[in-house]
Amino acid sequence: MIESYRKDREEKMRVEKSLNAWFDYNNRYIRTYTGILGEKFKSKILDLGCGTDDFSKACRAAGMEAEGIDFDRCNLETDRLPYDDESINVVTMNAVFEHIRTPDRIMKETNRILKKGGVVIIRTPNWQMDFKNFFNDPTHCKPYTPKGLSTTLNMYGFKTIFLGPGLICRSKLYWKLPEFLKWRLASAIKGGTKSILAIGEKL
């Protein structure tokens, strides 16, 4: 009985440690977005393709008004988003864009629901750096390069105000490095990335 109790306690501690680590991971994204956008990253935040809604939960815990929506409530590729025109300040899509065959509907809907001056934040794999692994995930549909993602934002009425490696919580000095060096270091440093972080502001 004591052994069973010990195992149960260890399992609960393991789960709690895992949840705390995931919560901290999402908090680092909040700090990164706040560091890049300042006051532009604020309520009301909508996380598209939210999965288990962890990012929105972290935002709410930080005192922000936020919610998530996933494919079980709305087909992001074909449906109208269930939000009023110009009712949202920030839309995030983390590891979502590459799963959508054509961005036309979701980008038009994102533009519709964002307030003027609102921002869309997209994080997706960088095809130029990770093309060998991209289709290892069979749900990946459409790859992007940094230039291609920026062009997509511009096509749908957004001004690209940030485009860089999808790193979180890097120093201000890092972001001042030349473009080619930032991308090279991003995939080489510990905790680096082969993803793109693009932010567009609604014109």
N, C-alpha and C. Protein backbone atom coordinates (compact mmCIF):
# COMPACT_ATOMS: atom_id res chain seq x y z
N MET A 1 0.83 -1.20 0.00
CA MET A 1 0.00 0.00 0.00
C MET A 1 0.87 1.26 0.00
N ILE A 2 1.95 1.23 0.79
CA ILE A 2 2.87 2.36 0.84
C ILE A 2 3.53 2.56 -0.53
N GLU A 3 3.90 1.45 -1.17
CA GLU A 3 4.53 1.52 -2.49
C GLU A 3 3.57 2.11 -3.52
N SER A 4 2.30 1.72 -3.44
CA SER A 4 1.29 2.26 -4.35
C SER A 4 1.11 3.76 -4.13
N TYR A 5 1.09 4.17 -2.87
CA TYR A 5 0.96 5.60 -2.56
C TYR A 5 2.16 6.37 -3.10
N ARG A 6 3.36 5.79 -2.95
CA ARG A 6 4.57 6.45 -3.42
C ARG A 6 4.53 6.64 -4.94
N LYS A 7 4.09 5.60 -5.65
CA LYS A 7 4.02 5.68 -7.11
C LYS A 7 2.98 6.72 -7.56
N ASP A 8 1.84 6.76 -6.86
CA ASP A 8 0.80 7.74 -7.19
C ASP A 8 1.33 9.16 -6.97
N ARG A 9 2.04 9.35 -5.87
CA ARG A 9 2.58 10.67 -5.54
C ARG A 9 3.63 11.08 -6.57
N GLU A 10 4.48 10.16 -6.97
CA GLU A 10 5.50 10.46 -7.98
C GLU A 10 4.88 10.81 -9.32
N GLU A 11 3.80 10.10 -9.67
CA GLU A 11 3.11 10.39 -10.93
C GLU A 11 2.46 11.77 -10.89
N LYS A 12 1.84 12.12 -9.77
CA LYS A 12 1.22 13.44 -9.63
C LYS A 12 2.27 14.54 -9.72
N MET A 13 3.43 14.31 -9.11
CA MET A 13 4.51 15.29 -9.15
C MET A 13 5.05 15.44 -10.58
N ARG A 14 5.13 14.30 -11.30
CA ARG A 14 5.61 14.34 -12.68
C ARG A 14 4.66 15.14 -13.56
N VAL A 15 3.36 14.89 -13.41
CA VAL A 15 2.35 15.60 -14.19
C VAL A 15 2.37 17.09 -13.85
N GLU A 16 2.48 17.41 -12.56
CA GLU A 16 2.51 18.81 -12.13
C GLU A 16 3.74 19.52 -12.68
N LYS A 17 4.88 18.84 -12.66
CA LYS A 17 6.12 19.43 -13.21
C LYS A 17 5.98 19.68 -14.70
N SER A 18 5.36 18.73 -15.42
CA SER A 18 5.15 18.87 -16.85
C SER A 18 4.22 20.04 -17.15
N LEU A 19 3.14 20.18 -16.39
CA LEU A 19 2.20 21.28 -16.60
C LEU A 19 2.84 22.63 -16.30
N ASN A 20 3.65 22.68 -15.24
CA ASN A 20 4.34 23.92 -14.90
C ASN A 20 5.32 24.33 -15.99
N ALA A 21 6.03 23.34 -16.56
CA ALA A 21 6.98 23.61 -17.64
C ALA A 21 6.25 24.15 -18.87
N TRP A 22 5.11 23.56 -19.19
CA TRP A 22 4.33 24.01 -20.35
C TRP A 22 3.76 25.40 -20.12
N PHE A 23 3.34 25.66 -18.89
CA PHE A 23 2.81 26.98 -18.56
C PHE A 23 3.92 28.03 -18.68
N ASP A 24 5.12 27.69 -18.21
CA ASP A 24 6.26 28.60 -18.32
C ASP A 24 6.62 28.85 -19.77
N TYR A 25 6.52 27.81 -20.60
CA TYR A 25 6.81 27.93 -22.03
C TYR A 25 5.89 28.96 -22.68
N ASN A 26 4.62 28.89 -22.37
CA ASN A 26 3.66 29.85 -22.92
C ASN A 26 3.87 31.25 -22.34
N ASN A 27 4.29 31.33 -21.10
CA ASN A 27 4.60 32.63 -20.51
C ASN A 27 5.78 33.29 -21.20
N ARG A 28 6.74 32.48 -21.64
CA ARG A 28 7.88 33.04 -22.36
C ARG A 28 7.43 33.63 -23.71
N TYR A 29 6.44 33.00 -24.34
CA TYR A 29 5.89 33.57 -25.56
C TYR A 29 5.22 34.90 -25.28
N ILE A 30 4.49 34.98 -24.18
CA ILE A 30 3.84 36.24 -23.81
C ILE A 30 4.88 37.33 -23.61
N ARG A 31 5.97 37.01 -22.91
CA ARG A 31 7.02 38.00 -22.67
C ARG A 31 7.70 38.42 -23.97
N THR A 32 7.88 37.45 -24.88
CA THR A 32 8.50 37.77 -26.17
C THR A 32 7.62 38.71 -26.97
N TYR A 33 6.33 38.38 -27.09
CA TYR A 33 5.41 39.21 -27.86
C TYR A 33 5.29 40.60 -27.24
N THR A 34 5.26 40.66 -25.92
CA THR A 34 5.18 41.95 -25.24
C THR A 34 6.45 42.75 -25.49
N GLY A 35 7.60 42.06 -25.48
CA GLY A 35 8.87 42.73 -25.73
C GLY A 35 8.97 43.30 -27.13
N ILE A 36 8.42 42.59 -28.10
CA ILE A 36 8.46 43.05 -29.50
C ILE A 36 7.40 44.12 -29.76
N LEU A 37 6.19 43.90 -29.24
CA LEU A 37 5.05 44.74 -29.61
C LEU A 37 4.70 45.81 -28.58
N GLY A 38 5.16 45.66 -27.35
CA GLY A 38 4.80 46.62 -26.31
C GLY A 38 3.30 46.64 -26.07
N GLU A 39 2.71 47.84 -26.12
CA GLU A 39 1.29 48.00 -25.83
C GLU A 39 0.38 47.36 -26.88
N LYS A 40 0.93 47.06 -28.05
CA LYS A 40 0.10 46.44 -29.09
C LYS A 40 -0.29 45.00 -28.71
N PHE A 41 0.52 44.38 -27.84
CA PHE A 41 0.15 43.03 -27.40
C PHE A 41 -0.65 43.16 -26.11
N LYS A 42 -1.95 43.18 -26.26
CA LYS A 42 -2.85 43.39 -25.12
C LYS A 42 -4.18 42.72 -25.43
N SER A 43 -5.10 42.79 -24.48
CA SER A 43 -6.44 42.28 -24.73
C SER A 43 -7.05 43.08 -25.88
N LYS A 44 -7.83 42.52 -26.65
CA LYS A 44 -8.43 41.19 -26.67
C LYS A 44 -7.66 40.29 -27.63
N ILE A 45 -7.27 39.10 -27.13
CA ILE A 45 -6.39 38.21 -27.88
C ILE A 45 -7.17 36.96 -28.28
N LEU A 46 -7.01 36.55 -29.53
CA LEU A 46 -7.64 35.33 -30.03
C LEU A 46 -6.55 34.41 -30.57
N ASP A 47 -6.47 33.21 -30.02
CA ASP A 47 -5.49 32.22 -30.47
C ASP A 47 -6.19 31.21 -31.38
N LEU A 48 -5.88 31.28 -32.67
CA LEU A 48 -6.48 30.38 -33.65
C LEU A 48 -5.70 29.07 -33.71
N GLY A 49 -6.43 27.95 -33.76
CA GLY A 49 -5.78 26.65 -33.73
C GLY A 49 -5.16 26.41 -32.38
N CYS A 50 -5.93 26.66 -31.33
CA CYS A 50 -5.41 26.72 -29.96
C CYS A 50 -5.09 25.37 -29.33
N GLY A 51 -5.55 24.28 -29.94
CA GLY A 51 -5.31 22.97 -29.33
C GLY A 51 -5.98 22.87 -27.98
N THR A 52 -5.19 22.65 -26.93
CA THR A 52 -5.74 22.53 -25.57
C THR A 52 -5.86 23.88 -24.88
N ASP A 53 -5.69 24.95 -25.62
CA ASP A 53 -5.93 26.33 -25.14
C ASP A 53 -4.92 26.79 -24.09
N ASP A 54 -3.72 26.22 -24.11
CA ASP A 54 -2.74 26.57 -23.09
C ASP A 54 -2.27 28.02 -23.18
N PHE A 55 -2.10 28.52 -24.42
CA PHE A 55 -1.62 29.89 -24.57
C PHE A 55 -2.64 30.88 -24.02
N SER A 56 -3.90 30.68 -24.34
CA SER A 56 -4.95 31.58 -23.83
C SER A 56 -5.03 31.52 -22.31
N LYS A 57 -4.87 30.33 -21.75
CA LYS A 57 -4.89 30.20 -20.29
C LYS A 57 -3.76 30.99 -19.65
N ALA A 58 -2.57 30.92 -20.27
CA ALA A 58 -1.43 31.69 -19.75
C ALA A 58 -1.68 33.18 -19.86
N CYS A 59 -2.29 33.61 -20.97
CA CYS A 59 -2.63 35.03 -21.14
C CYS A 59 -3.63 35.48 -20.07
N ARG A 60 -4.64 34.66 -19.84
CA ARG A 60 -5.65 35.02 -18.84
C ARG A 60 -5.04 35.08 -17.44
N ALA A 61 -4.12 34.16 -17.17
CA ALA A 61 -3.45 34.16 -15.87
C ALA A 61 -2.60 35.42 -15.68
N ALA A 62 -2.16 35.99 -16.82
CA ALA A 62 -1.37 37.23 -16.78
C ALA A 62 -2.26 38.47 -16.78
N GLY A 63 -3.57 38.27 -16.70
CA GLY A 63 -4.50 39.39 -16.61
C GLY A 63 -5.00 39.91 -17.94
N MET A 64 -4.77 39.14 -19.02
CA MET A 64 -5.22 39.58 -20.34
C MET A 64 -6.54 38.90 -20.70
N GLU A 65 -7.33 39.58 -21.49
CA GLU A 65 -8.56 39.00 -22.03
C GLU A 65 -8.17 38.18 -23.27
N ALA A 66 -8.36 36.88 -23.20
CA ALA A 66 -7.91 36.01 -24.29
C ALA A 66 -8.76 34.76 -24.35
N GLU A 67 -8.89 34.25 -25.56
CA GLU A 67 -9.56 32.97 -25.75
C GLU A 67 -8.99 32.28 -26.97
N GLY A 68 -9.24 30.98 -27.06
CA GLY A 68 -8.77 30.23 -28.20
C GLY A 68 -9.90 29.53 -28.91
N ILE A 69 -9.67 29.22 -30.18
CA ILE A 69 -10.66 28.47 -30.96
C ILE A 69 -9.91 27.49 -31.83
N ASP A 70 -10.44 26.28 -31.91
CA ASP A 70 -9.77 25.24 -32.69
C ASP A 70 -10.73 24.67 -33.73
N PHE A 71 -10.22 23.71 -34.48
CA PHE A 71 -10.98 23.16 -35.61
C PHE A 71 -12.25 22.43 -35.17
N ASP A 72 -12.35 22.05 -33.90
CA ASP A 72 -13.57 21.40 -33.44
C ASP A 72 -14.74 22.38 -33.37
N ARG A 73 -14.46 23.68 -33.28
CA ARG A 73 -15.49 24.71 -33.25
C ARG A 73 -15.66 25.42 -34.58
N CYS A 74 -14.58 25.45 -35.37
CA CYS A 74 -14.61 26.23 -36.60
C CYS A 74 -13.53 25.71 -37.54
N ASN A 75 -13.91 25.42 -38.79
CA ASN A 75 -12.91 25.03 -39.78
C ASN A 75 -12.19 26.30 -40.24
N LEU A 76 -10.95 26.44 -39.80
CA LEU A 76 -10.22 27.68 -40.05
C LEU A 76 -9.93 27.90 -41.53
N GLU A 77 -10.05 26.86 -42.32
CA GLU A 77 -9.76 26.98 -43.75
C GLU A 77 -10.97 27.42 -44.56
N THR A 78 -12.17 27.14 -44.05
CA THR A 78 -13.36 27.40 -44.87
C THR A 78 -14.45 28.22 -44.18
N ASP A 79 -14.49 28.23 -42.85
CA ASP A 79 -15.62 28.85 -42.15
C ASP A 79 -15.39 30.32 -41.83
N ARG A 80 -16.50 30.99 -41.58
CA ARG A 80 -16.47 32.36 -41.05
C ARG A 80 -16.19 32.27 -39.55
N LEU A 81 -15.25 33.06 -39.07
CA LEU A 81 -14.96 33.05 -37.64
C LEU A 81 -16.12 33.66 -36.86
N PRO A 82 -16.49 33.07 -35.73
CA PRO A 82 -17.66 33.54 -34.98
C PRO A 82 -17.38 34.77 -34.12
N TYR A 83 -16.87 35.83 -34.75
CA TYR A 83 -16.55 37.07 -34.05
C TYR A 83 -16.99 38.25 -34.91
N ASP A 84 -17.34 39.35 -34.25
CA ASP A 84 -17.80 40.54 -34.96
C ASP A 84 -16.64 41.22 -35.69
N ASP A 85 -16.99 42.05 -36.66
CA ASP A 85 -15.99 42.85 -37.37
C ASP A 85 -15.25 43.75 -36.37
N GLU A 86 -13.95 43.86 -36.57
CA GLU A 86 -13.10 44.76 -35.79
C GLU A 86 -13.35 44.64 -34.28
N SER A 87 -13.35 43.41 -33.79
CA SER A 87 -13.62 43.17 -32.37
C SER A 87 -12.42 42.61 -31.61
N ILE A 88 -11.32 42.33 -32.32
CA ILE A 88 -10.15 41.69 -31.72
C ILE A 88 -8.92 42.57 -31.91
N ASN A 89 -8.03 42.58 -30.91
CA ASN A 89 -6.79 43.36 -31.00
C ASN A 89 -5.62 42.54 -31.54
N VAL A 90 -5.56 41.27 -31.14
CA VAL A 90 -4.43 40.42 -31.51
C VAL A 90 -4.93 39.03 -31.90
N VAL A 91 -4.45 38.54 -33.03
CA VAL A 91 -4.72 37.16 -33.45
C VAL A 91 -3.37 36.42 -33.51
N THR A 92 -3.31 35.26 -32.88
CA THR A 92 -2.09 34.46 -32.93
C THR A 92 -2.37 33.13 -33.63
N MET A 93 -1.39 32.68 -34.39
CA MET A 93 -1.44 31.36 -35.03
C MET A 93 -0.06 30.72 -34.86
N ASN A 94 0.05 29.85 -33.88
CA ASN A 94 1.31 29.20 -33.57
C ASN A 94 1.28 27.76 -34.06
N ALA A 95 2.13 27.46 -35.06
CA ALA A 95 2.18 26.11 -35.65
C ALA A 95 0.81 25.71 -36.20
N VAL A 96 0.17 26.65 -36.89
CA VAL A 96 -1.15 26.44 -37.48
C VAL A 96 -1.14 26.67 -38.98
N PHE A 97 -0.46 27.73 -39.41
CA PHE A 97 -0.52 28.19 -40.80
C PHE A 97 -0.10 27.11 -41.80
N GLU A 98 0.88 26.30 -41.43
CA GLU A 98 1.39 25.27 -42.33
C GLU A 98 0.40 24.12 -42.51
N HIS A 99 -0.66 24.08 -41.69
CA HIS A 99 -1.67 23.02 -41.79
C HIS A 99 -2.85 23.43 -42.66
N ILE A 100 -2.82 24.66 -43.17
CA ILE A 100 -3.92 25.19 -43.98
C ILE A 100 -3.51 25.21 -45.45
N ARG A 101 -4.31 24.57 -46.29
CA ARG A 101 -3.93 24.41 -47.71
C ARG A 101 -3.85 25.75 -48.44
N THR A 102 -4.82 26.60 -48.21
CA THR A 102 -4.80 27.93 -48.83
C THR A 102 -5.12 28.96 -47.76
N PRO A 103 -4.35 30.04 -47.70
CA PRO A 103 -4.56 31.01 -46.62
C PRO A 103 -5.67 32.02 -46.88
N ASP A 104 -6.32 31.95 -48.03
CA ASP A 104 -7.24 33.01 -48.44
C ASP A 104 -8.33 33.28 -47.40
N ARG A 105 -9.05 32.25 -47.01
CA ARG A 105 -10.19 32.44 -46.10
C ARG A 105 -9.73 32.93 -44.72
N ILE A 106 -8.73 32.27 -44.16
CA ILE A 106 -8.32 32.60 -42.80
C ILE A 106 -7.70 33.99 -42.73
N MET A 107 -7.00 34.40 -43.78
CA MET A 107 -6.40 35.73 -43.76
C MET A 107 -7.46 36.82 -43.92
N LYS A 108 -8.44 36.57 -44.78
CA LYS A 108 -9.53 37.54 -44.94
C LYS A 108 -10.35 37.66 -43.66
N GLU A 109 -10.59 36.52 -43.01
CA GLU A 109 -11.34 36.53 -41.76
C GLU A 109 -10.55 37.21 -40.64
N THR A 110 -9.24 36.95 -40.60
CA THR A 110 -8.39 37.60 -39.60
C THR A 110 -8.42 39.11 -39.79
N ASN A 111 -8.33 39.55 -41.03
CA ASN A 111 -8.39 40.99 -41.32
C ASN A 111 -9.74 41.56 -40.90
N ARG A 112 -10.79 40.81 -41.15
CA ARG A 112 -12.15 41.29 -40.83
C ARG A 112 -12.33 41.51 -39.33
N ILE A 113 -11.89 40.57 -38.51
CA ILE A 113 -12.17 40.65 -37.07
C ILE A 113 -11.18 41.54 -36.31
N LEU A 114 -10.02 41.82 -36.92
CA LEU A 114 -9.05 42.68 -36.23
C LEU A 114 -9.43 44.15 -36.33
N LYS A 115 -9.20 44.86 -35.25
CA LYS A 115 -9.38 46.31 -35.27
C LYS A 115 -8.27 46.93 -36.12
N LYS A 116 -8.49 48.12 -36.62
CA LYS A 116 -7.45 48.82 -37.35
C LYS A 116 -6.26 49.03 -36.43
N GLY A 117 -5.07 48.67 -36.90
CA GLY A 117 -3.88 48.74 -36.07
C GLY A 117 -3.66 47.48 -35.25
N GLY A 118 -4.62 46.54 -35.31
CA GLY A 118 -4.44 45.26 -34.63
C GLY A 118 -3.37 44.42 -35.32
N VAL A 119 -2.92 43.38 -34.66
CA VAL A 119 -1.82 42.60 -35.22
C VAL A 119 -2.15 41.11 -35.28
N VAL A 120 -1.58 40.46 -36.30
CA VAL A 120 -1.63 39.01 -36.41
C VAL A 120 -0.21 38.49 -36.24
N ILE A 121 -0.06 37.47 -35.40
CA ILE A 121 1.24 36.87 -35.11
C ILE A 121 1.23 35.44 -35.64
N ILE A 122 2.14 35.13 -36.55
CA ILE A 122 2.19 33.80 -37.15
C ILE A 122 3.57 33.19 -36.92
N ARG A 123 3.57 31.98 -36.39
CA ARG A 123 4.82 31.22 -36.23
C ARG A 123 4.66 29.92 -37.00
N THR A 124 5.57 29.67 -37.94
CA THR A 124 5.46 28.50 -38.82
C THR A 124 6.86 28.03 -39.20
N PRO A 125 7.05 26.76 -39.60
CA PRO A 125 8.38 26.30 -39.99
C PRO A 125 8.96 27.09 -41.16
N ASN A 126 10.25 27.27 -41.13
CA ASN A 126 10.97 27.96 -42.21
C ASN A 126 11.42 26.91 -43.23
N TRP A 127 10.78 26.88 -44.38
CA TRP A 127 11.06 25.88 -45.41
C TRP A 127 12.53 25.90 -45.84
N GLN A 128 13.13 27.06 -45.88
CA GLN A 128 14.52 27.17 -46.30
C GLN A 128 15.47 26.45 -45.35
N MET A 129 15.09 26.35 -44.08
CA MET A 129 15.97 25.77 -43.08
C MET A 129 15.58 24.36 -42.67
N ASP A 130 14.34 23.97 -42.93
CA ASP A 130 13.86 22.70 -42.40
C ASP A 130 13.07 21.90 -43.42
N PHE A 131 13.39 22.06 -44.71
CA PHE A 131 12.61 21.39 -45.75
C PHE A 131 12.72 19.87 -45.67
N LYS A 132 13.82 19.35 -45.11
CA LYS A 132 13.99 17.89 -45.03
C LYS A 132 13.00 17.26 -44.05
N ASN A 133 12.55 18.03 -43.09
CA ASN A 133 11.67 17.49 -42.05
C ASN A 133 10.22 17.93 -42.18
N PHE A 134 9.95 18.90 -43.04
CA PHE A 134 8.62 19.51 -43.08
C PHE A 134 7.51 18.49 -43.26
N PHE A 135 7.65 17.62 -44.23
CA PHE A 135 6.56 16.67 -44.52
C PHE A 135 6.65 15.39 -43.70
N ASN A 136 7.53 15.37 -42.68
CA ASN A 136 7.50 14.26 -41.73
C ASN A 136 6.19 14.28 -40.93
N ASP A 137 5.62 15.47 -40.81
CA ASP A 137 4.28 15.61 -40.24
C ASP A 137 3.29 15.54 -41.39
N PRO A 138 2.52 14.46 -41.51
CA PRO A 138 1.62 14.31 -42.67
C PRO A 138 0.48 15.31 -42.70
N THR A 139 0.29 16.07 -41.61
CA THR A 139 -0.77 17.08 -41.61
C THR A 139 -0.26 18.43 -42.12
N HIS A 140 1.04 18.54 -42.38
CA HIS A 140 1.57 19.76 -42.98
C HIS A 140 1.15 19.84 -44.45
N CYS A 141 0.64 20.99 -44.86
CA CYS A 141 0.12 21.16 -46.22
C CYS A 141 0.92 22.16 -47.04
N LYS A 142 1.27 23.29 -46.44
CA LYS A 142 1.84 24.39 -47.21
C LYS A 142 3.06 24.98 -46.50
N PRO A 143 4.23 24.90 -47.14
CA PRO A 143 5.44 25.47 -46.53
C PRO A 143 5.60 26.95 -46.86
N TYR A 144 6.35 27.65 -46.00
CA TYR A 144 6.61 29.07 -46.20
C TYR A 144 8.08 29.39 -45.99
N THR A 145 8.55 30.38 -46.72
CA THR A 145 9.85 30.99 -46.48
C THR A 145 9.58 32.34 -45.81
N PRO A 146 10.59 32.97 -45.23
CA PRO A 146 10.36 34.29 -44.63
C PRO A 146 9.77 35.29 -45.63
N LYS A 147 10.34 35.36 -46.82
CA LYS A 147 9.83 36.30 -47.82
C LYS A 147 8.41 35.94 -48.23
N GLY A 148 8.13 34.65 -48.40
CA GLY A 148 6.80 34.21 -48.80
C GLY A 148 5.75 34.54 -47.76
N LEU A 149 6.12 34.40 -46.49
CA LEU A 149 5.17 34.68 -45.42
C LEU A 149 4.90 36.19 -45.32
N SER A 150 5.96 36.98 -45.47
CA SER A 150 5.79 38.43 -45.46
C SER A 150 4.93 38.89 -46.64
N THR A 151 5.15 38.30 -47.81
CA THR A 151 4.35 38.64 -48.99
C THR A 151 2.89 38.28 -48.77
N THR A 152 2.64 37.14 -48.13
CA THR A 152 1.27 36.72 -47.83
C THR A 152 0.58 37.74 -46.94
N LEU A 153 1.27 38.20 -45.90
CA LEU A 153 0.70 39.23 -45.02
C LEU A 153 0.34 40.49 -45.82
N ASN A 154 1.27 40.92 -46.65
CA ASN A 154 1.05 42.14 -47.44
C ASN A 154 -0.12 42.00 -48.39
N MET A 155 -0.30 40.80 -48.98
CA MET A 155 -1.39 40.55 -49.93
C MET A 155 -2.76 40.73 -49.30
N TYR A 156 -2.84 40.48 -47.98
CA TYR A 156 -4.15 40.51 -47.32
C TYR A 156 -4.34 41.73 -46.42
N GLY A 157 -3.63 42.81 -46.73
CA GLY A 157 -3.89 44.06 -46.04
C GLY A 157 -3.14 44.27 -44.75
N PHE A 158 -1.99 43.61 -44.61
CA PHE A 158 -1.17 43.76 -43.42
C PHE A 158 0.21 44.31 -43.78
N LYS A 159 0.73 45.14 -42.92
CA LYS A 159 2.10 45.61 -43.04
C LYS A 159 2.98 44.74 -42.15
N THR A 160 4.02 44.15 -42.71
CA THR A 160 4.91 43.31 -41.91
C THR A 160 5.76 44.20 -41.01
N ILE A 161 5.54 44.10 -39.70
CA ILE A 161 6.28 44.95 -38.76
C ILE A 161 7.37 44.17 -38.03
N PHE A 162 7.33 42.85 -38.14
CA PHE A 162 8.41 42.03 -37.57
C PHE A 162 8.52 40.75 -38.38
N LEU A 163 9.76 40.36 -38.68
CA LEU A 163 10.01 39.11 -39.38
C LEU A 163 11.37 38.59 -38.92
N GLY A 164 11.37 37.43 -38.28
CA GLY A 164 12.63 36.91 -37.78
C GLY A 164 12.48 35.46 -37.37
N PRO A 165 13.56 34.86 -36.86
CA PRO A 165 13.48 33.49 -36.35
C PRO A 165 12.47 33.40 -35.22
N GLY A 166 11.81 32.27 -35.13
CA GLY A 166 10.77 32.11 -34.11
C GLY A 166 11.32 31.78 -32.75
N LEU A 167 12.24 32.59 -32.27
CA LEU A 167 12.84 32.38 -30.95
C LEU A 167 12.01 33.08 -29.89
N ILE A 168 12.17 32.63 -28.65
CA ILE A 168 11.48 33.28 -27.55
C ILE A 168 12.49 33.72 -26.50
N CYS A 169 12.23 34.90 -25.95
CA CYS A 169 13.03 35.46 -24.86
C CYS A 169 14.51 35.59 -25.19
N ARG A 170 14.82 36.12 -26.36
CA ARG A 170 16.22 36.45 -26.66
C ARG A 170 16.47 37.92 -26.33
N SER A 171 17.73 38.26 -26.11
CA SER A 171 18.09 39.63 -25.72
C SER A 171 17.85 40.60 -26.87
N LYS A 172 17.72 41.88 -26.52
CA LYS A 172 17.54 42.92 -27.53
C LYS A 172 18.73 42.98 -28.47
N LEU A 173 19.93 42.64 -27.96
CA LEU A 173 21.13 42.65 -28.78
C LEU A 173 21.01 41.65 -29.92
N TYR A 174 20.41 40.47 -29.63
CA TYR A 174 20.25 39.45 -30.66
C TYR A 174 19.45 39.98 -31.84
N TRP A 175 18.37 40.69 -31.55
CA TRP A 175 17.48 41.15 -32.61
C TRP A 175 18.11 42.26 -33.45
N LYS A 176 19.22 42.84 -32.97
CA LYS A 176 19.91 43.89 -33.72
C LYS A 176 20.97 43.33 -34.66
N LEU A 177 21.20 42.03 -34.63
CA LEU A 177 22.20 41.41 -35.50
C LEU A 177 21.74 41.44 -36.95
N PRO A 178 22.69 41.35 -37.91
CA PRO A 178 22.31 41.29 -39.34
C PRO A 178 21.41 40.09 -39.61
N GLU A 179 20.52 40.22 -40.59
CA GLU A 179 19.53 39.18 -40.88
C GLU A 179 20.16 37.80 -41.08
N PHE A 180 21.19 37.71 -41.93
CA PHE A 180 21.76 36.41 -42.23
C PHE A 180 22.33 35.76 -40.98
N LEU A 181 22.88 36.56 -40.06
CA LEU A 181 23.47 36.02 -38.84
C LEU A 181 22.41 35.56 -37.86
N LYS A 182 21.31 36.31 -37.79
CA LYS A 182 20.21 35.92 -36.90
C LYS A 182 19.67 34.53 -37.27
N TRP A 183 19.43 34.32 -38.57
CA TRP A 183 18.87 33.04 -39.00
C TRP A 183 19.86 31.91 -38.78
N ARG A 184 21.16 32.18 -39.01
CA ARG A 184 22.16 31.13 -38.83
C ARG A 184 22.28 30.73 -37.37
N LEU A 185 22.32 31.73 -36.50
CA LEU A 185 22.43 31.45 -35.07
C LEU A 185 21.17 30.77 -34.53
N ALA A 186 20.03 31.14 -35.10
CA ALA A 186 18.76 30.61 -34.61
C ALA A 186 18.71 29.09 -34.65
N SER A 187 19.30 28.49 -35.68
CA SER A 187 19.25 27.03 -35.81
C SER A 187 20.43 26.35 -35.13
N ALA A 188 21.42 27.16 -34.71
CA ALA A 188 22.64 26.57 -34.14
C ALA A 188 22.69 26.62 -32.62
N ILE A 189 22.14 27.70 -32.03
CA ILE A 189 22.25 27.86 -30.59
C ILE A 189 21.33 26.89 -29.85
N LYS A 190 21.68 26.62 -28.61
CA LYS A 190 20.85 25.75 -27.78
C LYS A 190 19.50 26.43 -27.57
N GLY A 191 18.46 25.68 -27.78
CA GLY A 191 17.13 26.27 -27.69
C GLY A 191 16.78 27.09 -28.91
N GLY A 192 17.53 26.85 -29.99
CA GLY A 192 17.31 27.58 -31.23
C GLY A 192 16.07 27.11 -31.96
N THR A 193 15.88 27.59 -33.18
CA THR A 193 14.66 27.27 -33.89
C THR A 193 14.87 27.29 -35.39
N LYS A 194 14.04 26.58 -36.10
CA LYS A 194 14.01 26.62 -37.56
C LYS A 194 12.64 27.12 -38.03
N SER A 195 12.04 27.95 -37.22
CA SER A 195 10.72 28.49 -37.56
C SER A 195 10.81 29.99 -37.82
N ILE A 196 9.75 30.52 -38.42
CA ILE A 196 9.63 31.94 -38.72
C ILE A 196 8.62 32.55 -37.75
N LEU A 197 8.92 33.73 -37.26
CA LEU A 197 7.95 34.50 -36.51
C LEU A 197 7.67 35.77 -37.31
N ALA A 198 6.44 35.90 -37.77
CA ALA A 198 6.06 37.07 -38.56
C ALA A 198 4.89 37.78 -37.88
N ILE A 199 4.96 39.10 -37.86
CA ILE A 199 3.89 39.90 -37.26
C ILE A 199 3.43 40.94 -38.27
N GLY A 200 2.14 40.94 -38.53
CA GLY A 200 1.56 41.90 -39.46
C GLY A 200 0.59 42.82 -38.76
N GLU A 201 0.63 44.10 -39.11
CA GLU A 201 -0.30 45.09 -38.55
C GLU A 201 -1.35 45.42 -39.59
N LYS A 202 -2.60 45.39 -39.17
CA LYS A 202 -3.70 45.71 -40.08
C LYS A 202 -3.66 47.18 -40.45
N LEU A 203 -3.67 47.44 -41.76
CA LEU A 203 -3.61 48.82 -42.25
C LEU A 203 -4.98 49.49 -42.17
